């Protein structure tokens, strides 16, 4: 009887494994992009302090980076809510 149960549930387990793998990959991608944006923001601050960047250029790029970080936070919240 257990063998029959295993055979009948195998497709569902396979789909769960695939969905879980996709979810984990999406979370990894979000985290990698977040880290890249943080690194870019750090470089931006260093360029501003070194005088290699104007205040206007700094403000514009900083706003873009912070907006994208906010979008990633929302995306991660969606992934957490609909993930497992």
PDB file of N, CA and C in Angstrom:
ATOM      1  N   UNK A   1       0.820  -1.191   0.000  1.00  0.00           N
ATOM      2  CA  UNK A   1       0.000   0.000   0.000  1.00  0.00           C
ATOM      3  C   UNK A   1       0.867   1.258   0.000  1.00  0.00           C
ATOM      4  N   UNK A   2       1.966   1.236   0.741  1.00  0.00           N
ATOM      5  CA  UNK A   2       2.823   2.409   0.789  1.00  0.00           C
ATOM      6  C   UNK A   2       3.494   2.664  -0.559  1.00  0.00           C
ATOM      7  N   UNK A   3       3.810   1.617  -1.270  1.00  0.00           N
ATOM      8  CA  UNK A   3       4.402   1.755  -2.594  1.00  0.00           C
ATOM      9  C   UNK A   3       3.420   2.445  -3.537  1.00  0.00           C
ATOM     10  N   UNK A   4       2.156   2.086  -3.459  1.00  0.00           N
ATOM     11  CA  UNK A   4       1.139   2.711  -4.291  1.00  0.00           C
ATOM     12  C   UNK A   4       0.984   4.186  -3.930  1.00  0.00           C
ATOM     13  N   UNK A   5       1.010   4.494  -2.636  1.00  0.00           N
ATOM     14  CA  UNK A   5       0.942   5.885  -2.199  1.00  0.00           C
ATOM     15  C   UNK A   5       2.128   6.680  -2.736  1.00  0.00           C
ATOM     16  N   UNK A   6       3.309   6.094  -2.653  1.00  0.00           N
ATOM     17  CA  UNK A   6       4.502   6.771  -3.169  1.00  0.00           C
ATOM     18  C   UNK A   6       4.389   7.032  -4.659  1.00  0.00           C
ATOM     19  N   UNK A   7       3.882   6.080  -5.394  1.00  0.00           N
ATOM     20  CA  UNK A   7       3.732   6.245  -6.837  1.00  0.00           C
ATOM     21  C   UNK A   7       2.704   7.318  -7.183  1.00  0.00           C
ATOM     22  N   UNK A   8       1.623   7.355  -6.427  1.00  0.00           N
ATOM     23  CA  UNK A   8       0.579   8.337  -6.701  1.00  0.00           C
ATOM     24  C   UNK A   8       0.993   9.751  -6.305  1.00  0.00           C
ATOM     25  N   UNK A   9       1.806   9.864  -5.276  1.00  0.00           N
ATOM     26  CA  UNK A   9       2.220  11.184  -4.795  1.00  0.00           C
ATOM     27  C   UNK A   9       3.498  11.697  -5.462  1.00  0.00           C
ATOM     28  N   UNK A  10       4.170  10.882  -6.242  1.00  0.00           N
ATOM     29  CA  UNK A  10       5.432  11.277  -6.866  1.00  0.00           C
ATOM     30  C   UNK A  10       5.292  12.535  -7.741  1.00  0.00           C
ATOM     31  N   UNK A  11       4.264  12.649  -8.576  1.00  0.00           N
ATOM     32  CA  UNK A  11       4.153  13.878  -9.384  1.00  0.00           C
ATOM     33  C   UNK A  11       3.986  15.135  -8.524  1.00  0.00           C
ATOM     34  N   UNK A  12       3.204  15.039  -7.466  1.00  0.00           N
ATOM     35  CA  UNK A  12       3.005  16.198  -6.590  1.00  0.00           C
ATOM     36  C   UNK A  12       4.302  16.566  -5.886  1.00  0.00           C
ATOM     37  N   UNK A  13       5.044  15.567  -5.449  1.00  0.00           N
ATOM     38  CA  UNK A  13       6.332  15.841  -4.797  1.00  0.00           C
ATOM     39  C   UNK A  13       7.315  16.457  -5.780  1.00  0.00           C
ATOM     40  N   UNK A  14       7.272  15.974  -7.019  1.00  0.00           N
ATOM     41  CA  UNK A  14       8.142  16.535  -8.050  1.00  0.00           C
ATOM     42  C   UNK A  14       7.816  17.997  -8.332  1.00  0.00           C
ATOM     43  N   UNK A  15       6.531  18.319  -8.424  1.00  0.00           N
ATOM     44  CA  UNK A  15       6.126  19.706  -8.642  1.00  0.00           C
ATOM     45  C   UNK A  15       6.520  20.589  -7.464  1.00  0.00           C
ATOM     46  N   UNK A  16       6.369  20.056  -6.262  1.00  0.00           N
ATOM     47  CA  UNK A  16       6.760  20.826  -5.076  1.00  0.00           C
ATOM     48  C   UNK A  16       8.264  21.088  -5.097  1.00  0.00           C
ATOM     49  N   UNK A  17       9.038  20.093  -5.469  1.00  0.00           N
ATOM     50  CA  UNK A  17      10.489  20.266  -5.538  1.00  0.00           C
ATOM     51  C   UNK A  17      10.860  21.326  -6.566  1.00  0.00           C
ATOM     52  N   UNK A  18      10.228  21.293  -7.734  1.00  0.00           N
ATOM     53  CA  UNK A  18      10.515  22.275  -8.784  1.00  0.00           C
ATOM     54  C   UNK A  18      10.129  23.677  -8.335  1.00  0.00           C
ATOM     55  N   UNK A  19       8.944  23.811  -7.758  1.00  0.00           N
ATOM     56  CA  UNK A  19       8.494  25.120  -7.278  1.00  0.00           C
ATOM     57  C   UNK A  19       9.414  25.648  -6.185  1.00  0.00           C
ATOM     58  N   UNK A  20       9.827  24.784  -5.301  1.00  0.00           N
ATOM     59  CA  UNK A  20      10.737  25.177  -4.226  1.00  0.00           C
ATOM     60  C   UNK A  20      12.090  25.609  -4.782  1.00  0.00           C
ATOM     61  N   UNK A  21      12.579  24.906  -5.781  1.00  0.00           N
ATOM     62  CA  UNK A  21      13.860  25.259  -6.406  1.00  0.00           C
ATOM     63  C   UNK A  21      13.785  26.613  -7.101  1.00  0.00           C
ATOM     64  N   UNK A  22      12.683  26.858  -7.792  1.00  0.00           N
ATOM     65  CA  UNK A  22      12.498  28.147  -8.459  1.00  0.00           C
ATOM     66  C   UNK A  22      12.413  29.268  -7.428  1.00  0.00           C
ATOM     67  N   UNK A  23      11.697  29.030  -6.363  1.00  0.00           N
ATOM     68  CA  UNK A  23      11.569  30.017  -5.296  1.00  0.00           C
ATOM     69  C   UNK A  23      12.932  30.346  -4.691  1.00  0.00           C
ATOM     70  N   UNK A  24      13.718  29.337  -4.405  1.00  0.00           N
ATOM     71  CA  UNK A  24      15.052  29.551  -3.830  1.00  0.00           C
ATOM     72  C   UNK A  24      15.951  30.314  -4.798  1.00  0.00           C
ATOM     73  N   UNK A  25      15.873  29.994  -6.079  1.00  0.00           N
ATOM     74  CA  UNK A  25      16.683  30.693  -7.074  1.00  0.00           C
ATOM     75  C   UNK A  25      16.272  32.167  -7.174  1.00  0.00           C
ATOM     76  N   UNK A  26      14.991  32.428  -7.089  1.00  0.00           N
ATOM     77  CA  UNK A  26      14.508  33.812  -7.139  1.00  0.00           C
ATOM     78  C   UNK A  26      15.004  34.588  -5.928  1.00  0.00           C
ATOM     79  N   UNK A  27      14.958  33.975  -4.755  1.00  0.00           N
ATOM     80  CA  UNK A  27      15.459  34.637  -3.556  1.00  0.00           C
ATOM     81  C   UNK A  27      16.956  34.915  -3.664  1.00  0.00           C
ATOM     82  N   UNK A  28      17.707  33.977  -4.189  1.00  0.00           N
ATOM     83  CA  UNK A  28      19.145  34.175  -4.375  1.00  0.00           C
ATOM     84  C   UNK A  28      19.414  35.329  -5.334  1.00  0.00           C
ATOM     85  N   UNK A  29      18.635  35.403  -6.405  1.00  0.00           N
ATOM     86  CA  UNK A  29      18.801  36.469  -7.384  1.00  0.00           C
ATOM     87  C   UNK A  29      18.513  37.832  -6.765  1.00  0.00           C
ATOM     88  N   UNK A  30      17.467  37.915  -5.959  1.00  0.00           N
ATOM     89  CA  UNK A  30      17.136  39.169  -5.282  1.00  0.00           C
ATOM     90  C   UNK A  30      18.274  39.567  -4.344  1.00  0.00           C
ATOM     91  N   UNK A  31      18.792  38.630  -3.589  1.00  0.00           N
ATOM     92  CA  UNK A  31      19.874  38.932  -2.656  1.00  0.00           C
ATOM     93  C   UNK A  31      21.144  39.355  -3.385  1.00  0.00           C
ATOM     94  N   UNK A  32      21.452  38.707  -4.505  1.00  0.00           N
ATOM     95  CA  UNK A  32      22.632  39.089  -5.287  1.00  0.00           C
ATOM     96  C   UNK A  32      22.495  40.502  -5.841  1.00  0.00           C
ATOM     97  N   UNK A  33      21.318  40.828  -6.346  1.00  0.00           N
ATOM     98  CA  UNK A  33      21.110  42.182  -6.870  1.00  0.00           C
ATOM     99  C   UNK A  33      21.171  43.210  -5.751  1.00  0.00           C
ATOM    100  N   UNK A  34      20.596  42.881  -4.592  1.00  0.00           N
ATOM    101  CA  UNK A  34      20.640  43.793  -3.454  1.00  0.00           C
ATOM    102  C   UNK A  34      22.094  44.073  -3.049  1.00  0.00           C
ATOM    103  N   UNK A  35      22.913  43.036  -3.005  1.00  0.00           N
ATOM    104  CA  UNK A  35      24.315  43.222  -2.629  1.00  0.00           C
ATOM    105  C   UNK A  35      25.052  44.067  -3.665  1.00  0.00           C
ATOM    106  N   UNK A  36      24.763  43.841  -4.949  1.00  0.00           N
ATOM    107  CA  UNK A  36      25.396  44.633  -6.010  1.00  0.00           C
ATOM    108  C   UNK A  36      25.001  46.108  -5.893  1.00  0.00           C
ATOM    109  N   UNK A  37      23.738  46.362  -5.581  1.00  0.00           N
ATOM    110  CA  UNK A  37      23.291  47.743  -5.418  1.00  0.00           C
ATOM    111  C   UNK A  37      23.923  48.396  -4.197  1.00  0.00           C
ATOM    112  N   UNK A  38      24.075  47.650  -3.122  1.00  0.00           N
ATOM    113  CA  UNK A  38      24.745  48.197  -1.930  1.00  0.00           C
ATOM    114  C   UNK A  38      26.200  48.528  -2.232  1.00  0.00           C
ATOM    115  N   UNK A  39      26.856  47.660  -2.973  1.00  0.00           N
ATOM    116  CA  UNK A  39      28.244  47.923  -3.359  1.00  0.00           C
ATOM    117  C   UNK A  39      28.335  49.169  -4.238  1.00  0.00           C
ATOM    118  N   UNK A  40      27.393  49.298  -5.176  1.00  0.00           N
ATOM    119  CA  UNK A  40      27.377  50.468  -6.044  1.00  0.00           C
ATOM    120  C   UNK A  40      27.115  51.744  -5.247  1.00  0.00           C
ATOM    121  N   UNK A  41      26.230  51.656  -4.271  1.00  0.00           N
ATOM    122  CA  UNK A  41      25.938  52.807  -3.425  1.00  0.00           C
ATOM    123  C   UNK A  41      27.164  53.205  -2.611  1.00  0.00           C
ATOM    124  N   UNK A  42      27.880  52.216  -2.108  1.00  0.00           N
ATOM    125  CA  UNK A  42      29.110  52.486  -1.368  1.00  0.00           C
ATOM    126  C   UNK A  42      30.137  53.180  -2.267  1.00  0.00           C
ATOM    127  N   UNK A  43      30.298  52.677  -3.489  1.00  0.00           N
ATOM    128  CA  UNK A  43      31.219  53.300  -4.445  1.00  0.00           C
ATOM    129  C   UNK A  43      30.785  54.723  -4.776  1.00  0.00           C
ATOM    130  N   UNK A  44      29.489  54.933  -4.857  1.00  0.00           N
ATOM    131  CA  UNK A  44      28.951  56.254  -5.147  1.00  0.00           C
ATOM    132  C   UNK A  44      29.323  57.240  -4.044  1.00  0.00           C
ATOM    133  N   UNK A  45      29.166  56.814  -2.781  1.00  0.00           N
ATOM    134  CA  UNK A  45      29.546  57.673  -1.660  1.00  0.00           C
ATOM    135  C   UNK A  45      31.039  57.972  -1.674  1.00  0.00           C
ATOM    136  N   UNK A  46      31.841  56.974  -2.004  1.00  0.00           N
ATOM    137  CA  UNK A  46      33.287  57.194  -2.053  1.00  0.00           C
ATOM    138  C   UNK A  46      33.648  58.168  -3.172  1.00  0.00           C
ATOM    139  N   UNK A  47      32.990  58.057  -4.331  1.00  0.00           N
ATOM    140  CA  UNK A  47      33.231  58.995  -5.433  1.00  0.00           C
ATOM    141  C   UNK A  47      32.832  60.410  -5.040  1.00  0.00           C
ATOM    142  N   UNK A  48      31.741  60.556  -4.319  1.00  0.00           N
ATOM    143  CA  UNK A  48      31.304  61.881  -3.872  1.00  0.00           C
ATOM    144  C   UNK A  48      32.328  62.476  -2.917  1.00  0.00           C
ATOM    145  N   UNK A  49      32.780  61.685  -1.965  1.00  0.00           N
ATOM    146  CA  UNK A  49      33.761  62.177  -0.994  1.00  0.00           C
ATOM    147  C   UNK A  49      35.092  62.514  -1.652  1.00  0.00           C
ATOM    148  N   UNK A  50      35.445  61.787  -2.708  1.00  0.00           N
ATOM    149  CA  UNK A  50      36.708  62.036  -3.409  1.00  0.00           C
ATOM    150  C   UNK A  50      36.594  63.217  -4.371  1.00  0.00           C
ATOM    151  N   UNK A  51      35.385  63.706  -4.577  1.00  0.00           N
ATOM    152  CA  UNK A  51      35.182  64.836  -5.476  1.00  0.00           C
ATOM    153  C   UNK A  51      35.091  64.430  -6.934  1.00  0.00           C
ATOM    154  N   UNK A  52      34.955  63.152  -7.191  1.00  0.00           N
ATOM    155  CA  UNK A  52      34.879  62.669  -8.576  1.00  0.00           C
ATOM    156  C   UNK A  52      33.461  62.736  -9.121  1.00  0.00           C
ATOM    157  N   UNK A  53      32.524  63.177  -8.293  1.00  0.00           N
ATOM    158  CA  UNK A  53      31.117  63.171  -8.678  1.00  0.00           C
ATOM    159  C   UNK A  53      30.455  64.431  -8.137  1.00  0.00           C
ATOM    160  N   UNK A  54      29.605  65.055  -8.948  1.00  0.00           N
ATOM    161  CA  UNK A  54      28.893  66.249  -8.480  1.00  0.00           C
ATOM    162  C   UNK A  54      27.726  65.825  -7.573  1.00  0.00           C
ATOM    163  N   UNK A  55      27.268  66.775  -6.785  1.00  0.00           N
ATOM    164  CA  UNK A  55      26.126  66.516  -5.889  1.00  0.00           C
ATOM    165  C   UNK A  55      24.890  66.116  -6.684  1.00  0.00           C
ATOM    166  N   UNK A  56      24.670  66.772  -7.823  1.00  0.00           N
ATOM    167  CA  UNK A  56      23.479  66.498  -8.624  1.00  0.00           C
ATOM    168  C   UNK A  56      23.520  65.082  -9.188  1.00  0.00           C
ATOM    169  N   UNK A  57      24.672  64.699  -9.706  1.00  0.00           N
ATOM    170  CA  UNK A  57      24.813  63.346 -10.255  1.00  0.00           C
ATOM    171  C   UNK A  57      24.688  62.314  -9.144  1.00  0.00           C
ATOM    172  N   UNK A  58      25.266  62.624  -7.997  1.00  0.00           N
ATOM    173  CA  UNK A  58      25.171  61.719  -6.855  1.00  0.00           C
ATOM    174  C   UNK A  58      23.723  61.540  -6.434  1.00  0.00           C
ATOM    175  N   UNK A  59      23.004  62.656  -6.285  1.00  0.00           N
ATOM    176  CA  UNK A  59      21.613  62.591  -5.834  1.00  0.00           C
ATOM    177  C   UNK A  59      20.738  61.795  -6.799  1.00  0.00           C
ATOM    178  N   UNK A  60      20.958  62.007  -8.091  1.00  0.00           N
ATOM    179  CA  UNK A  60      20.146  61.304  -9.091  1.00  0.00           C
ATOM    180  C   UNK A  60      20.404  59.805  -9.035  1.00  0.00           C
ATOM    181  N   UNK A  61      21.662  59.412  -9.002  1.00  0.00           N
ATOM    182  CA  UNK A  61      21.985  57.982  -8.998  1.00  0.00           C
ATOM    183  C   UNK A  61      21.602  57.340  -7.665  1.00  0.00           C
ATOM    184  N   UNK A  62      21.789  58.069  -6.570  1.00  0.00           N
ATOM    185  CA  UNK A  62      21.414  57.535  -5.258  1.00  0.00           C
ATOM    186  C   UNK A  62      19.914  57.254  -5.210  1.00  0.00           C
ATOM    187  N   UNK A  63      19.128  58.166  -5.757  1.00  0.00           N
ATOM    188  CA  UNK A  63      17.674  57.970  -5.772  1.00  0.00           C
ATOM    189  C   UNK A  63      17.295  56.730  -6.578  1.00  0.00           C
ATOM    190  N   UNK A  64      17.946  56.529  -7.724  1.00  0.00           N
ATOM    191  CA  UNK A  64      17.676  55.343  -8.540  1.00  0.00           C
ATOM    192  C   UNK A  64      17.997  54.060  -7.779  1.00  0.00           C
ATOM    193  N   UNK A  65      19.141  54.063  -7.108  1.00  0.00           N
ATOM    194  CA  UNK A  65      19.562  52.865  -6.368  1.00  0.00           C
ATOM    195  C   UNK A  65      18.612  52.594  -5.212  1.00  0.00           C
ATOM    196  N   UNK A  66      18.259  53.629  -4.462  1.00  0.00           N
ATOM    197  CA  UNK A  66      17.364  53.438  -3.320  1.00  0.00           C
ATOM    198  C   UNK A  66      15.973  53.002  -3.767  1.00  0.00           C
ATOM    199  N   UNK A  67      15.504  53.535  -4.893  1.00  0.00           N
ATOM    200  CA  UNK A  67      14.207  53.097  -5.436  1.00  0.00           C
ATOM    201  C   UNK A  67      14.255  51.616  -5.800  1.00  0.00           C
ATOM    202  N   UNK A  68      15.353  51.193  -6.429  1.00  0.00           N
ATOM    203  CA  UNK A  68      15.478  49.776  -6.811  1.00  0.00           C
ATOM    204  C   UNK A  68      15.569  48.893  -5.568  1.00  0.00           C
ATOM    205  N   UNK A  69      16.257  49.358  -4.532  1.00  0.00           N
ATOM    206  CA  UNK A  69      16.317  48.587  -3.284  1.00  0.00           C
ATOM    207  C   UNK A  69      14.929  48.444  -2.664  1.00  0.00           C
ATOM    208  N   UNK A  70      14.123  49.498  -2.753  1.00  0.00           N
ATOM    209  CA  UNK A  70      12.741  49.418  -2.260  1.00  0.00           C
ATOM    210  C   UNK A  70      11.937  48.401  -3.075  1.00  0.00           C
ATOM    211  N   UNK A  71      12.120  48.414  -4.399  1.00  0.00           N
ATOM    212  CA  UNK A  71      11.430  47.447  -5.250  1.00  0.00           C
ATOM    213  C   UNK A  71      11.837  46.019  -4.887  1.00  0.00           C
ATOM    214  N   UNK A  72      13.114  45.824  -4.611  1.00  0.00           N
ATOM    215  CA  UNK A  72      13.586  44.495  -4.230  1.00  0.00           C
ATOM    216  C   UNK A  72      12.999  44.059  -2.890  1.00  0.00           C
ATOM    217  N   UNK A  73      12.861  44.996  -1.964  1.00  0.00           N
ATOM    218  CA  UNK A  73      12.253  44.668  -0.671  1.00  0.00           C
ATOM    219  C   UNK A  73      10.804  44.224  -0.872  1.00  0.00           C
ATOM    220  N   UNK A  74      10.082  44.928  -1.741  1.00  0.00           N
ATOM    221  CA  UNK A  74       8.699  44.540  -2.033  1.00  0.00           C
ATOM    222  C   UNK A  74       8.640  43.171  -2.702  1.00  0.00           C
ATOM    223  N   UNK A  75       9.550  42.946  -3.635  1.00  0.00           N
ATOM    224  CA  UNK A  75       9.598  41.664  -4.327  1.00  0.00           C
ATOM    225  C   UNK A  75       9.911  40.535  -3.348  1.00  0.00           C
ATOM    226  N   UNK A  76      10.830  40.781  -2.439  1.00  0.00           N
ATOM    227  CA  UNK A  76      11.177  39.753  -1.456  1.00  0.00           C
ATOM    228  C   UNK A  76      10.005  39.471  -0.520  1.00  0.00           C
ATOM    229  N   UNK A  77       9.258  40.522  -0.167  1.00  0.00           N
ATOM    230  CA  UNK A  77       8.072  40.313   0.667  1.00  0.00           C
ATOM    231  C   UNK A  77       7.041  39.468  -0.075  1.00  0.00           C
ATOM    232  N   UNK A  78       6.895  39.688  -1.374  1.00  0.00           N
ATOM    233  CA  UNK A  78       5.985  38.877  -2.184  1.00  0.00           C
ATOM    234  C   UNK A  78       6.464  37.425  -2.234  1.00  0.00           C
ATOM    235  N   UNK A  79       7.772  37.234  -2.383  1.00  0.00           N
ATOM    236  CA  UNK A  79       8.324  35.882  -2.423  1.00  0.00           C
ATOM    237  C   UNK A  79       8.106  35.163  -1.090  1.00  0.00           C
ATOM    238  N   UNK A  80       8.270  35.865  -0.013  1.00  0.00           N
ATOM    239  CA  UNK A  80       8.077  35.267   1.304  1.00  0.00           C
ATOM    240  C   UNK A  80       6.603  34.930   1.538  1.00  0.00           C
ATOM    241  N   UNK A  81       5.731  35.811   1.080  1.00  0.00           N
ATOM    242  CA  UNK A  81       4.305  35.582   1.282  1.00  0.00           C
ATOM    243  C   UNK A  81       3.756  34.442   0.455  1.00  0.00           C
ATOM    244  N   UNK A  82       4.245  34.285  -0.754  1.00  0.00           N
ATOM    245  CA  UNK A  82       3.716  33.257  -1.639  1.00  0.00           C
ATOM    246  C   UNK A  82       4.639  32.072  -1.815  1.00  0.00           C
ATOM    247  N   UNK A  83       5.726  32.028  -1.061  1.00  0.00           N
ATOM    248  CA  UNK A  83       6.732  31.006  -1.271  1.00  0.00           C
ATOM    249  C   UNK A  83       6.339  29.635  -0.785  1.00  0.00           C
ATOM    250  N   UNK A  84       6.425  29.386   0.477  1.00  0.00           N
ATOM    251  CA  UNK A  84       6.212  28.036   1.026  1.00  0.00           C
ATOM    252  C   UNK A  84       4.816  27.857   1.416  1.00  0.00           C
TER     253      UNK A  84
END
